[in-house]
C-alpha cells in the first residue's frame, strides 16, 4: 500500500509539473492538464496517503488530519493562483498557516517520542 501511494504521488506530481511547464510556454491544453493533475492529487493521492497514515498510526490522528487538510488547502490555493481565480490568496495563506501549525505539532510529537 505504501508503494502504491508513492507511485500515485509521483504520477500526480509529474502531471502537475509537466502542466506548469506547458503553461509557462503557453502550450495549448496546459490549463486542462493542470486541472487534471490537481484533481488527481487532491481526490486520489491525498486521501490515499491520509488513509495510510491513519491506519498505521493509532495515536495523534488529529495531527495527521490537520497536516493532510493543510496540504489540501495549500494545493487548492496554488491551483487557484495558477488559474487566476479569485480566493487564491486567502486559501494559500490559510494553507501555509495550517501547514506551519501542523509541522510544529508534528515536530513536537517527534521530540516527545525521542525522549520517551
PDB file of N, CA and C in Angstrom:
ATOM      1  N   UNK A   1       0.824  -1.187   0.000  1.00  0.00           N
ATOM      2  CA  UNK A   1       0.000   0.000   0.000  1.00  0.00           C
ATOM      3  C   UNK A   1       0.873   1.258   0.000  1.00  0.00           C
ATOM      4  N   UNK A   2       2.001   1.179   0.687  1.00  0.00           N
ATOM      5  CA  UNK A   2       2.904   2.311   0.729  1.00  0.00           C
ATOM      6  C   UNK A   2       3.491   2.586  -0.656  1.00  0.00           C
ATOM      7  N   UNK A   3       3.822   1.524  -1.385  1.00  0.00           N
ATOM      8  CA  UNK A   3       4.377   1.689  -2.722  1.00  0.00           C
ATOM      9  C   UNK A   3       3.350   2.292  -3.674  1.00  0.00           C
ATOM     10  N   UNK A   4       2.107   1.891  -3.526  1.00  0.00           N
ATOM     11  CA  UNK A   4       1.050   2.440  -4.378  1.00  0.00           C
ATOM     12  C   UNK A   4       0.893   3.942  -4.114  1.00  0.00           C
ATOM     13  N   UNK A   5       0.964   4.339  -2.839  1.00  0.00           N
ATOM     14  CA  UNK A   5       0.862   5.760  -2.503  1.00  0.00           C
ATOM     15  C   UNK A   5       2.012   6.545  -3.117  1.00  0.00           C
ATOM     16  N   UNK A   6       3.220   5.992  -3.070  1.00  0.00           N
ATOM     17  CA  UNK A   6       4.367   6.672  -3.659  1.00  0.00           C
ATOM     18  C   UNK A   6       4.229   6.785  -5.177  1.00  0.00           C
ATOM     19  N   UNK A   7       3.820   5.708  -5.828  1.00  0.00           N
ATOM     20  CA  UNK A   7       3.682   5.728  -7.289  1.00  0.00           C
ATOM     21  C   UNK A   7       2.598   6.714  -7.707  1.00  0.00           C
ATOM     22  N   UNK A   8       1.463   6.709  -7.020  1.00  0.00           N
ATOM     23  CA  UNK A   8       0.393   7.653  -7.347  1.00  0.00           C
ATOM     24  C   UNK A   8       0.834   9.090  -7.100  1.00  0.00           C
ATOM     25  N   UNK A   9       1.555   9.317  -6.020  1.00  0.00           N
ATOM     26  CA  UNK A   9       2.041  10.657  -5.719  1.00  0.00           C
ATOM     27  C   UNK A   9       3.009  11.164  -6.766  1.00  0.00           C
ATOM     28  N   UNK A  10       3.920  10.316  -7.189  1.00  0.00           N
ATOM     29  CA  UNK A  10       4.884  10.712  -8.222  1.00  0.00           C
ATOM     30  C   UNK A  10       4.180  10.952  -9.550  1.00  0.00           C
ATOM     31  N   UNK A  11       3.209  10.125  -9.885  1.00  0.00           N
ATOM     32  CA  UNK A  11       2.466  10.305 -11.145  1.00  0.00           C
ATOM     33  C   UNK A  11       1.694  11.622 -11.132  1.00  0.00           C
ATOM     34  N   UNK A  12       1.024  11.917 -10.035  1.00  0.00           N
ATOM     35  CA  UNK A  12       0.286  13.178  -9.931  1.00  0.00           C
ATOM     36  C   UNK A  12       1.201  14.385  -9.948  1.00  0.00           C
ATOM     37  N   UNK A  13       2.335  14.285  -9.261  1.00  0.00           N
ATOM     38  CA  UNK A  13       3.299  15.378  -9.258  1.00  0.00           C
ATOM     39  C   UNK A  13       3.901  15.590 -10.641  1.00  0.00           C
ATOM     40  N   UNK A  14       4.203  14.500 -11.341  1.00  0.00           N
ATOM     41  CA  UNK A  14       4.747  14.607 -12.693  1.00  0.00           C
ATOM     42  C   UNK A  14       3.755  15.285 -13.630  1.00  0.00           C
ATOM     43  N   UNK A  15       2.484  14.905 -13.535  1.00  0.00           N
ATOM     44  CA  UNK A  15       1.466  15.532 -14.386  1.00  0.00           C
ATOM     45  C   UNK A  15       1.342  17.017 -14.075  1.00  0.00           C
ATOM     46  N   UNK A  16       1.400  17.368 -12.810  1.00  0.00           N
ATOM     47  CA  UNK A  16       1.267  18.768 -12.417  1.00  0.00           C
ATOM     48  C   UNK A  16       2.472  19.588 -12.875  1.00  0.00           C
ATOM     49  N   UNK A  17       3.679  19.065 -12.683  1.00  0.00           N
ATOM     50  CA  UNK A  17       4.884  19.792 -13.095  1.00  0.00           C
ATOM     51  C   UNK A  17       4.940  19.931 -14.609  1.00  0.00           C
ATOM     52  N   UNK A  18       4.572  18.888 -15.321  1.00  0.00           N
ATOM     53  CA  UNK A  18       4.532  18.951 -16.772  1.00  0.00           C
ATOM     54  C   UNK A  18       3.522  20.000 -17.236  1.00  0.00           C
ATOM     55  N   UNK A  19       2.393  20.069 -16.567  1.00  0.00           N
ATOM     56  CA  UNK A  19       1.372  21.037 -16.934  1.00  0.00           C
ATOM     57  C   UNK A  19       1.820  22.464 -16.637  1.00  0.00           C
ATOM     58  N   UNK A  20       2.507  22.675 -15.531  1.00  0.00           N
ATOM     59  CA  UNK A  20       3.001  24.015 -15.213  1.00  0.00           C
ATOM     60  C   UNK A  20       4.044  24.445 -16.235  1.00  0.00           C
ATOM     61  N   UNK A  21       4.911  23.523 -16.633  1.00  0.00           N
ATOM     62  CA  UNK A  21       5.896  23.842 -17.665  1.00  0.00           C
ATOM     63  C   UNK A  21       5.193  24.189 -18.976  1.00  0.00           C
ATOM     64  N   UNK A  22       4.156  23.457 -19.324  1.00  0.00           N
ATOM     65  CA  UNK A  22       3.396  23.751 -20.544  1.00  0.00           C
ATOM     66  C   UNK A  22       2.698  25.104 -20.434  1.00  0.00           C
ATOM     67  N   UNK A  23       2.234  25.426 -19.239  1.00  0.00           N
ATOM     68  CA  UNK A  23       1.579  26.724 -19.034  1.00  0.00           C
ATOM     69  C   UNK A  23       2.587  27.864 -19.186  1.00  0.00           C
ATOM     70  N   UNK A  24       3.807  27.665 -18.711  1.00  0.00           N
ATOM     71  CA  UNK A  24       4.828  28.702 -18.845  1.00  0.00           C
ATOM     72  C   UNK A  24       5.208  28.948 -20.305  1.00  0.00           C
ATOM     73  N   UNK A  25       5.160  27.892 -21.113  1.00  0.00           N
ATOM     74  CA  UNK A  25       5.485  28.023 -22.523  1.00  0.00           C
ATOM     75  C   UNK A  25       4.255  28.283 -23.396  1.00  0.00           C
ATOM     76  N   UNK A  26       3.121  28.537 -22.757  1.00  0.00           N
ATOM     77  CA  UNK A  26       1.868  28.863 -23.450  1.00  0.00           C
ATOM     78  C   UNK A  26       1.451  27.792 -24.449  1.00  0.00           C
ATOM     79  N   UNK A  27       1.597  26.545 -24.072  1.00  0.00           N
ATOM     80  CA  UNK A  27       1.175  25.428 -24.905  1.00  0.00           C
ATOM     81  C   UNK A  27      -0.307  25.176 -24.644  1.00  0.00           C
ATOM     82  N   UNK A  28      -1.048  24.930 -25.695  1.00  0.00           N
ATOM     83  CA  UNK A  28      -2.483  24.714 -25.561  1.00  0.00           C
ATOM     84  C   UNK A  28      -2.811  23.466 -24.750  1.00  0.00           C
ATOM     85  N   UNK A  29      -3.842  23.547 -23.970  1.00  0.00           N
ATOM     86  CA  UNK A  29      -4.272  22.424 -23.155  1.00  0.00           C
ATOM     87  C   UNK A  29      -3.574  22.334 -21.814  1.00  0.00           C
ATOM     88  N   UNK A  30      -2.716  23.282 -21.506  1.00  0.00           N
ATOM     89  CA  UNK A  30      -1.985  23.228 -20.240  1.00  0.00           C
ATOM     90  C   UNK A  30      -2.916  23.428 -19.048  1.00  0.00           C
ATOM     91  N   UNK A  31      -3.888  24.290 -19.202  1.00  0.00           N
ATOM     92  CA  UNK A  31      -4.829  24.537 -18.102  1.00  0.00           C
ATOM     93  C   UNK A  31      -5.631  23.282 -17.771  1.00  0.00           C
ATOM     94  N   UNK A  32      -6.000  22.544 -18.792  1.00  0.00           N
ATOM     95  CA  UNK A  32      -6.755  21.305 -18.576  1.00  0.00           C
ATOM     96  C   UNK A  32      -5.879  20.277 -17.873  1.00  0.00           C
ATOM     97  N   UNK A  33      -4.623  20.184 -18.300  1.00  0.00           N
ATOM     98  CA  UNK A  33      -3.701  19.241 -17.658  1.00  0.00           C
ATOM     99  C   UNK A  33      -3.410  19.637 -16.217  1.00  0.00           C
ATOM    100  N   UNK A  34      -3.322  20.926 -15.941  1.00  0.00           N
ATOM    101  CA  UNK A  34      -3.154  21.381 -14.555  1.00  0.00           C
ATOM    102  C   UNK A  34      -4.368  20.975 -13.732  1.00  0.00           C
ATOM    103  N   UNK A  35      -5.543  21.160 -14.303  1.00  0.00           N
ATOM    104  CA  UNK A  35      -6.770  20.765 -13.599  1.00  0.00           C
ATOM    105  C   UNK A  35      -6.803  19.282 -13.315  1.00  0.00           C
ATOM    106  N   UNK A  36      -6.461  18.470 -14.313  1.00  0.00           N
ATOM    107  CA  UNK A  36      -6.460  17.020 -14.111  1.00  0.00           C
ATOM    108  C   UNK A  36      -5.410  16.594 -13.089  1.00  0.00           C
ATOM    109  N   UNK A  37      -4.230  17.180 -13.169  1.00  0.00           N
ATOM    110  CA  UNK A  37      -3.173  16.837 -12.213  1.00  0.00           C
ATOM    111  C   UNK A  37      -3.540  17.213 -10.789  1.00  0.00           C
ATOM    112  N   UNK A  38      -4.137  18.388 -10.635  1.00  0.00           N
ATOM    113  CA  UNK A  38      -4.539  18.834  -9.306  1.00  0.00           C
ATOM    114  C   UNK A  38      -5.686  17.995  -8.764  1.00  0.00           C
ATOM    115  N   UNK A  39      -6.669  17.739  -9.594  1.00  0.00           N
ATOM    116  CA  UNK A  39      -7.800  16.915  -9.144  1.00  0.00           C
ATOM    117  C   UNK A  39      -7.331  15.508  -8.791  1.00  0.00           C
ATOM    118  N   UNK A  40      -6.417  14.966  -9.578  1.00  0.00           N
ATOM    119  CA  UNK A  40      -5.863  13.644  -9.284  1.00  0.00           C
ATOM    120  C   UNK A  40      -5.164  13.646  -7.933  1.00  0.00           C
ATOM    121  N   UNK A  41      -4.356  14.671  -7.686  1.00  0.00           N
ATOM    122  CA  UNK A  41      -3.649  14.752  -6.406  1.00  0.00           C
ATOM    123  C   UNK A  41      -4.611  14.975  -5.242  1.00  0.00           C
ATOM    124  N   UNK A  42      -5.593  15.836  -5.432  1.00  0.00           N
ATOM    125  CA  UNK A  42      -6.492  16.189  -4.340  1.00  0.00           C
ATOM    126  C   UNK A  42      -7.500  15.082  -4.029  1.00  0.00           C
ATOM    127  N   UNK A  43      -8.005  14.412  -5.053  1.00  0.00           N
ATOM    128  CA  UNK A  43      -9.085  13.453  -4.832  1.00  0.00           C
ATOM    129  C   UNK A  43      -8.581  12.027  -4.653  1.00  0.00           C
ATOM    130  N   UNK A  44      -7.467  11.679  -5.280  1.00  0.00           N
ATOM    131  CA  UNK A  44      -6.985  10.301  -5.206  1.00  0.00           C
ATOM    132  C   UNK A  44      -5.778  10.155  -4.285  1.00  0.00           C
ATOM    133  N   UNK A  45      -4.749  10.962  -4.498  1.00  0.00           N
ATOM    134  CA  UNK A  45      -3.482  10.761  -3.783  1.00  0.00           C
ATOM    135  C   UNK A  45      -3.575  11.172  -2.319  1.00  0.00           C
ATOM    136  N   UNK A  46      -4.074  12.373  -2.034  1.00  0.00           N
ATOM    137  CA  UNK A  46      -4.125  12.826  -0.635  1.00  0.00           C
ATOM    138  C   UNK A  46      -5.013  11.948   0.251  1.00  0.00           C
ATOM    139  N   UNK A  47      -6.220  11.565  -0.165  1.00  0.00           N
ATOM    140  CA  UNK A  47      -6.982  10.650   0.692  1.00  0.00           C
ATOM    141  C   UNK A  47      -6.308   9.291   0.860  1.00  0.00           C
ATOM    142  N   UNK A  48      -5.610   8.830  -0.175  1.00  0.00           N
ATOM    143  CA  UNK A  48      -4.900   7.560  -0.076  1.00  0.00           C
ATOM    144  C   UNK A  48      -3.788   7.653   0.963  1.00  0.00           C
ATOM    145  N   UNK A  49      -3.034   8.751   0.939  1.00  0.00           N
ATOM    146  CA  UNK A  49      -1.969   8.954   1.925  1.00  0.00           C
ATOM    147  C   UNK A  49      -2.567   9.138   3.317  1.00  0.00           C
ATOM    148  N   UNK A  50      -3.673   9.875   3.424  1.00  0.00           N
ATOM    149  CA  UNK A  50      -4.311  10.068   4.725  1.00  0.00           C
ATOM    150  C   UNK A  50      -4.808   8.739   5.285  1.00  0.00           C
ATOM    151  N   UNK A  51      -5.401   7.915   4.435  1.00  0.00           N
ATOM    152  CA  UNK A  51      -5.864   6.604   4.884  1.00  0.00           C
ATOM    153  C   UNK A  51      -4.695   5.755   5.381  1.00  0.00           C
ATOM    154  N   UNK A  52      -3.578   5.810   4.653  1.00  0.00           N
ATOM    155  CA  UNK A  52      -2.391   5.056   5.062  1.00  0.00           C
ATOM    156  C   UNK A  52      -1.853   5.552   6.405  1.00  0.00           C
ATOM    157  N   UNK A  53      -1.775   6.868   6.590  1.00  0.00           N
ATOM    158  CA  UNK A  53      -1.262   7.423   7.844  1.00  0.00           C
ATOM    159  C   UNK A  53      -2.185   7.106   9.013  1.00  0.00           C
ATOM    160  N   UNK A  54      -3.487   7.225   8.797  1.00  0.00           N
ATOM    161  CA  UNK A  54      -4.432   6.995   9.891  1.00  0.00           C
ATOM    162  C   UNK A  54      -4.543   5.519  10.244  1.00  0.00           C
ATOM    163  N   UNK A  55      -4.353   4.643   9.263  1.00  0.00           N
ATOM    164  CA  UNK A  55      -4.435   3.218   9.543  1.00  0.00           C
ATOM    165  C   UNK A  55      -3.221   2.718  10.322  1.00  0.00           C
ATOM    166  N   UNK A  56      -2.051   3.264  10.023  1.00  0.00           N
ATOM    167  CA  UNK A  56      -0.832   2.780  10.653  1.00  0.00           C
ATOM    168  C   UNK A  56      -0.479   3.484  11.949  1.00  0.00           C
ATOM    169  N   UNK A  57      -1.114   4.602  12.267  1.00  0.00           N
ATOM    170  CA  UNK A  57      -0.810   5.351  13.482  1.00  0.00           C
ATOM    171  C   UNK A  57      -2.077   5.487  14.309  1.00  0.00           C
ATOM    172  N   UNK A  58      -2.091   4.802  15.439  1.00  0.00           N
ATOM    173  CA  UNK A  58      -3.299   4.813  16.256  1.00  0.00           C
ATOM    174  C   UNK A  58      -3.400   6.065  17.117  1.00  0.00           C
ATOM    175  N   UNK A  59      -2.260   6.668  17.458  1.00  0.00           N
ATOM    176  CA  UNK A  59      -2.276   7.862  18.303  1.00  0.00           C
ATOM    177  C   UNK A  59      -2.108   9.106  17.450  1.00  0.00           C
ATOM    178  N   UNK A  60      -2.582  10.210  17.970  1.00  0.00           N
ATOM    179  CA  UNK A  60      -2.394  11.531  17.363  1.00  0.00           C
ATOM    180  C   UNK A  60      -2.909  11.613  15.928  1.00  0.00           C
ATOM    181  N   UNK A  61      -4.082  11.095  15.702  1.00  0.00           N
ATOM    182  CA  UNK A  61      -4.668  11.155  14.360  1.00  0.00           C
ATOM    183  C   UNK A  61      -5.028  12.584  13.969  1.00  0.00           C
ATOM    184  N   UNK A  62      -5.309  13.421  14.959  1.00  0.00           N
ATOM    185  CA  UNK A  62      -5.700  14.800  14.657  1.00  0.00           C
ATOM    186  C   UNK A  62      -4.561  15.576  13.996  1.00  0.00           C
ATOM    187  N   UNK A  63      -3.313  15.284  14.363  1.00  0.00           N
ATOM    188  CA  UNK A  63      -2.171  15.966  13.743  1.00  0.00           C
ATOM    189  C   UNK A  63      -2.066  15.568  12.278  1.00  0.00           C
ATOM    190  N   UNK A  64      -2.258  14.288  11.984  1.00  0.00           N
ATOM    191  CA  UNK A  64      -2.194  13.837  10.598  1.00  0.00           C
ATOM    192  C   UNK A  64      -3.342  14.406   9.774  1.00  0.00           C
ATOM    193  N   UNK A  65      -4.529  14.463  10.357  1.00  0.00           N
ATOM    194  CA  UNK A  65      -5.670  15.040   9.651  1.00  0.00           C
ATOM    195  C   UNK A  65      -5.435  16.519   9.370  1.00  0.00           C
ATOM    196  N   UNK A  66      -4.889  17.246  10.354  1.00  0.00           N
ATOM    197  CA  UNK A  66      -4.587  18.660  10.153  1.00  0.00           C
ATOM    198  C   UNK A  66      -3.531  18.853   9.069  1.00  0.00           C
ATOM    199  N   UNK A  67      -2.525  17.991   9.038  1.00  0.00           N
ATOM    200  CA  UNK A  67      -1.488  18.083   8.019  1.00  0.00           C
ATOM    201  C   UNK A  67      -2.018  17.826   6.623  1.00  0.00           C
ATOM    202  N   UNK A  68      -2.834  16.799   6.471  1.00  0.00           N
ATOM    203  CA  UNK A  68      -3.404  16.491   5.156  1.00  0.00           C
ATOM    204  C   UNK A  68      -4.377  17.592   4.733  1.00  0.00           C
ATOM    205  N   UNK A  69      -5.161  18.104   5.660  1.00  0.00           N
ATOM    206  CA  UNK A  69      -6.087  19.191   5.351  1.00  0.00           C
ATOM    207  C   UNK A  69      -5.336  20.448   4.921  1.00  0.00           C
ATOM    208  N   UNK A  70      -4.225  20.744   5.595  1.00  0.00           N
ATOM    209  CA  UNK A  70      -3.447  21.930   5.227  1.00  0.00           C
ATOM    210  C   UNK A  70      -2.834  21.776   3.839  1.00  0.00           C
ATOM    211  N   UNK A  71      -2.341  20.595   3.511  1.00  0.00           N
ATOM    212  CA  UNK A  71      -1.781  20.367   2.176  1.00  0.00           C
ATOM    213  C   UNK A  71      -2.886  20.451   1.125  1.00  0.00           C
ATOM    214  N   UNK A  72      -4.065  19.940   1.440  1.00  0.00           N
ATOM    215  CA  UNK A  72      -5.209  20.017   0.529  1.00  0.00           C
ATOM    216  C   UNK A  72      -5.549  21.475   0.218  1.00  0.00           C
ATOM    217  N   UNK A  73      -5.646  22.309   1.258  1.00  0.00           N
ATOM    218  CA  UNK A  73      -5.986  23.717   1.074  1.00  0.00           C
ATOM    219  C   UNK A  73      -4.868  24.452   0.342  1.00  0.00           C
ATOM    220  N   UNK A  74      -3.620  24.123   0.663  1.00  0.00           N
ATOM    221  CA  UNK A  74      -2.488  24.781   0.019  1.00  0.00           C
ATOM    222  C   UNK A  74      -2.425  24.452  -1.475  1.00  0.00           C
ATOM    223  N   UNK A  75      -2.629  23.192  -1.828  1.00  0.00           N
ATOM    224  CA  UNK A  75      -2.622  22.810  -3.244  1.00  0.00           C
ATOM    225  C   UNK A  75      -3.786  23.466  -3.977  1.00  0.00           C
ATOM    226  N   UNK A  76      -4.952  23.521  -3.339  1.00  0.00           N
ATOM    227  CA  UNK A  76      -6.097  24.189  -3.969  1.00  0.00           C
ATOM    228  C   UNK A  76      -5.816  25.679  -4.159  1.00  0.00           C
ATOM    229  N   UNK A  77      -5.183  26.314  -3.182  1.00  0.00           N
ATOM    230  CA  UNK A  77      -4.832  27.727  -3.318  1.00  0.00           C
ATOM    231  C   UNK A  77      -3.839  27.968  -4.433  1.00  0.00           C
ATOM    232  N   UNK A  78      -2.847  27.087  -4.547  1.00  0.00           N
ATOM    233  CA  UNK A  78      -1.884  27.226  -5.636  1.00  0.00           C
ATOM    234  C   UNK A  78      -2.535  26.988  -6.998  1.00  0.00           C
ATOM    235  N   UNK A  79      -3.454  26.043  -7.049  1.00  0.00           N
ATOM    236  CA  UNK A  79      -4.196  25.803  -8.289  1.00  0.00           C
ATOM    237  C   UNK A  79      -5.015  27.031  -8.671  1.00  0.00           C
ATOM    238  N   UNK A  80      -5.672  27.629  -7.699  1.00  0.00           N
ATOM    239  CA  UNK A  80      -6.447  28.836  -7.969  1.00  0.00           C
ATOM    240  C   UNK A  80      -5.531  29.973  -8.411  1.00  0.00           C
ATOM    241  N   UNK A  81      -4.330  30.045  -7.824  1.00  0.00           N
ATOM    242  CA  UNK A  81      -3.384  31.101  -8.192  1.00  0.00           C
ATOM    243  C   UNK A  81      -2.906  30.916  -9.635  1.00  0.00           C
ATOM    244  N   UNK A  82      -2.608  29.698 -10.019  1.00  0.00           N
ATOM    245  CA  UNK A  82      -2.151  29.441 -11.386  1.00  0.00           C
ATOM    246  C   UNK A  82      -3.254  29.736 -12.394  1.00  0.00           C
ATOM    247  N   UNK A  83      -4.484  29.401 -12.041  1.00  0.00           N
ATOM    248  CA  UNK A  83      -5.607  29.630 -12.952  1.00  0.00           C
ATOM    249  C   UNK A  83      -6.144  31.065 -12.895  1.00  0.00           C
ATOM    250  N   UNK A  84      -5.611  31.887 -11.992  1.00  0.00           N
ATOM    251  CA  UNK A  84      -6.034  33.279 -11.811  1.00  0.00           C
ATOM    252  C   UNK A  84      -7.499  33.371 -11.392  1.00  0.00           C
ATOM    253  N   UNK A  85      -7.906  32.490 -10.493  1.00  0.00           N
ATOM    254  CA  UNK A  85      -9.260  32.513  -9.966  1.00  0.00           C
ATOM    255  C   UNK A  85      -9.274  33.273  -8.651  1.00  0.00           C
ATOM    256  N   UNK A  86     -10.425  33.859  -8.289  1.00  0.00           N
ATOM    257  CA  UNK A  86     -10.485  34.600  -7.020  1.00  0.00           C
ATOM    258  C   UNK A  86     -10.442  33.653  -5.816  1.00  0.00           C
ATOM    259  N   UNK A  87      -9.927  34.178  -4.734  1.00  0.00           N
ATOM    260  CA  UNK A  87      -9.839  33.413  -3.496  1.00  0.00           C
ATOM    261  C   UNK A  87      -8.534  32.670  -3.329  1.00  0.00           C
ATOM    262  N   UNK A  88      -7.626  32.839  -4.272  1.00  0.00           N
ATOM    263  CA  UNK A  88      -6.377  32.089  -4.208  1.00  0.00           C
ATOM    264  C   UNK A  88      -5.496  32.559  -3.067  1.00  0.00           C
ATOM    265  N   UNK A  89      -5.452  33.854  -2.819  1.00  0.00           N
ATOM    266  CA  UNK A  89      -4.585  34.391  -1.771  1.00  0.00           C
ATOM    267  C   UNK A  89      -5.023  33.904  -0.400  1.00  0.00           C
ATOM    268  N   UNK A  90      -6.313  33.940  -0.150  1.00  0.00           N
ATOM    269  CA  UNK A  90      -6.834  33.518   1.153  1.00  0.00           C
ATOM    270  C   UNK A  90      -6.566  32.033   1.380  1.00  0.00           C
ATOM    271  N   UNK A  91      -6.802  31.221   0.366  1.00  0.00           N
ATOM    272  CA  UNK A  91      -6.551  29.781   0.503  1.00  0.00           C
ATOM    273  C   UNK A  91      -5.076  29.486   0.680  1.00  0.00           C
ATOM    274  N   UNK A  92      -4.228  30.192  -0.034  1.00  0.00           N
ATOM    275  CA  UNK A  92      -2.791  29.958   0.093  1.00  0.00           C
ATOM    276  C   UNK A  92      -2.297  30.329   1.480  1.00  0.00           C
ATOM    277  N   UNK A  93      -2.710  31.476   1.983  1.00  0.00           N
ATOM    278  CA  UNK A  93      -2.289  31.908   3.324  1.00  0.00           C
ATOM    279  C   UNK A  93      -2.835  30.959   4.382  1.00  0.00           C
ATOM    280  N   UNK A  94      -4.096  30.566   4.266  1.00  0.00           N
ATOM    281  CA  UNK A  94      -4.685  29.630   5.219  1.00  0.00           C
ATOM    282  C   UNK A  94      -3.959  28.289   5.182  1.00  0.00           C
ATOM    283  N   UNK A  95      -3.641  27.800   3.983  1.00  0.00           N
ATOM    284  CA  UNK A  95      -2.913  26.544   3.856  1.00  0.00           C
ATOM    285  C   UNK A  95      -1.523  26.621   4.457  1.00  0.00           C
ATOM    286  N   UNK A  96      -0.830  27.750   4.243  1.00  0.00           N
ATOM    287  CA  UNK A  96       0.515  27.917   4.807  1.00  0.00           C
ATOM    288  C   UNK A  96       0.460  27.968   6.322  1.00  0.00           C
ATOM    289  N   UNK A  97      -0.487  28.709   6.870  1.00  0.00           N
ATOM    290  CA  UNK A  97      -0.605  28.814   8.335  1.00  0.00           C
ATOM    291  C   UNK A  97      -0.931  27.445   8.945  1.00  0.00           C
ATOM    292  N   UNK A  98      -1.894  26.743   8.357  1.00  0.00           N
ATOM    293  CA  UNK A  98      -2.225  25.406   8.874  1.00  0.00           C
ATOM    294  C   UNK A  98      -1.068  24.439   8.716  1.00  0.00           C
ATOM    295  N   UNK A  99      -0.305  24.573   7.627  1.00  0.00           N
ATOM    296  CA  UNK A  99       0.850  23.701   7.428  1.00  0.00           C
ATOM    297  C   UNK A  99       1.918  23.967   8.485  1.00  0.00           C
ATOM    298  N   UNK A 100       2.169  25.233   8.792  1.00  0.00           N
ATOM    299  CA  UNK A 100       3.153  25.535   9.842  1.00  0.00           C
ATOM    300  C   UNK A 100       2.690  25.039  11.212  1.00  0.00           C
ATOM    301  N   UNK A 101       1.406  25.182  11.498  1.00  0.00           N
ATOM    302  CA  UNK A 101       0.878  24.682  12.773  1.00  0.00           C
ATOM    303  C   UNK A 101       1.018  23.170  12.857  1.00  0.00           C
ATOM    304  N   UNK A 102       0.652  22.473  11.772  1.00  0.00           N
ATOM    305  CA  UNK A 102       0.764  21.015  11.791  1.00  0.00           C
ATOM    306  C   UNK A 102       2.222  20.563  11.839  1.00  0.00           C
ATOM    307  N   UNK A 103       3.128  21.317  11.207  1.00  0.00           N
ATOM    308  CA  UNK A 103       4.548  20.978  11.263  1.00  0.00           C
ATOM    309  C   UNK A 103       5.088  21.154  12.678  1.00  0.00           C
ATOM    310  N   UNK A 104       4.695  22.219  13.347  1.00  0.00           N
ATOM    311  CA  UNK A 104       5.134  22.436  14.732  1.00  0.00           C
ATOM    312  C   UNK A 104       4.588  21.340  15.636  1.00  0.00           C
ATOM    313  N   UNK A 105       3.310  20.994  15.481  1.00  0.00           N
ATOM    314  CA  UNK A 105       2.730  19.932  16.309  1.00  0.00           C
ATOM    315  C   UNK A 105       3.392  18.585  16.039  1.00  0.00           C
ATOM    316  N   UNK A 106       3.678  18.301  14.763  1.00  0.00           N
ATOM    317  CA  UNK A 106       4.297  17.031  14.418  1.00  0.00           C
ATOM    318  C   UNK A 106       5.736  16.957  14.918  1.00  0.00           C
ATOM    319  N   UNK A 107       6.479  18.053  14.814  1.00  0.00           N
ATOM    320  CA  UNK A 107       7.852  18.041  15.327  1.00  0.00           C
ATOM    321  C   UNK A 107       7.859  17.935  16.844  1.00  0.00           C
ATOM    322  N   UNK A 108       6.886  18.543  17.499  1.00  0.00           N
ATOM    323  CA  UNK A 108       6.761  18.396  18.955  1.00  0.00           C
ATOM    324  C   UNK A 108       6.465  16.941  19.317  1.00  0.00           C
ATOM    325  N   UNK A 109       5.619  16.296  18.526  1.00  0.00           N
ATOM    326  CA  UNK A 109       5.309  14.888  18.748  1.00  0.00           C
ATOM    327  C   UNK A 109       6.555  14.023  18.584  1.00  0.00           C
ATOM    328  N   UNK A 110       7.346  14.290  17.543  1.00  0.00           N
ATOM    329  CA  UNK A 110       8.580  13.528  17.333  1.00  0.00           C
ATOM    330  C   UNK A 110       9.593  13.796  18.437  1.00  0.00           C
ATOM    331  N   UNK A 111       9.655  15.038  18.924  1.00  0.00           N
ATOM    332  CA  UNK A 111      10.573  15.378  20.004  1.00  0.00           C
ATOM    333  C   UNK A 111      10.203  14.626  21.280  1.00  0.00           C
ATOM    334  N   UNK A 112       8.907  14.560  21.583  1.00  0.00           N
ATOM    335  CA  UNK A 112       8.469  13.822  22.764  1.00  0.00           C
ATOM    336  C   UNK A 112       8.718  12.319  22.607  1.00  0.00           C
ATOM    337  N   UNK A 113       8.553  11.820  21.394  1.00  0.00           N
ATOM    338  CA  UNK A 113       8.767  10.397  21.144  1.00  0.00           C
ATOM    339  C   UNK A 113      10.241  10.020  21.324  1.00  0.00           C
ATOM    340  N   UNK A 114      11.152  10.921  20.964  1.00  0.00           N
ATOM    341  CA  UNK A 114      12.574  10.636  21.124  1.00  0.00           C
ATOM    342  C   UNK A 114      12.995  10.570  22.584  1.00  0.00           C
ATOM    343  N   UNK A 115      12.323  11.318  23.443  1.00  0.00           N
ATOM    344  CA  UNK A 115      12.710  11.338  24.852  1.00  0.00           C
ATOM    345  C   UNK A 115      12.005  10.280  25.676  1.00  0.00           C
ATOM    346  N   UNK A 116      11.068   9.580  25.103  1.00  0.00           N
ATOM    347  CA  UNK A 116      10.375   8.510  25.847  1.00  0.00           C
ATOM    348  C   UNK A 116      11.088   7.188  25.733  1.00  0.00           C
TER     349      UNK A 116
END
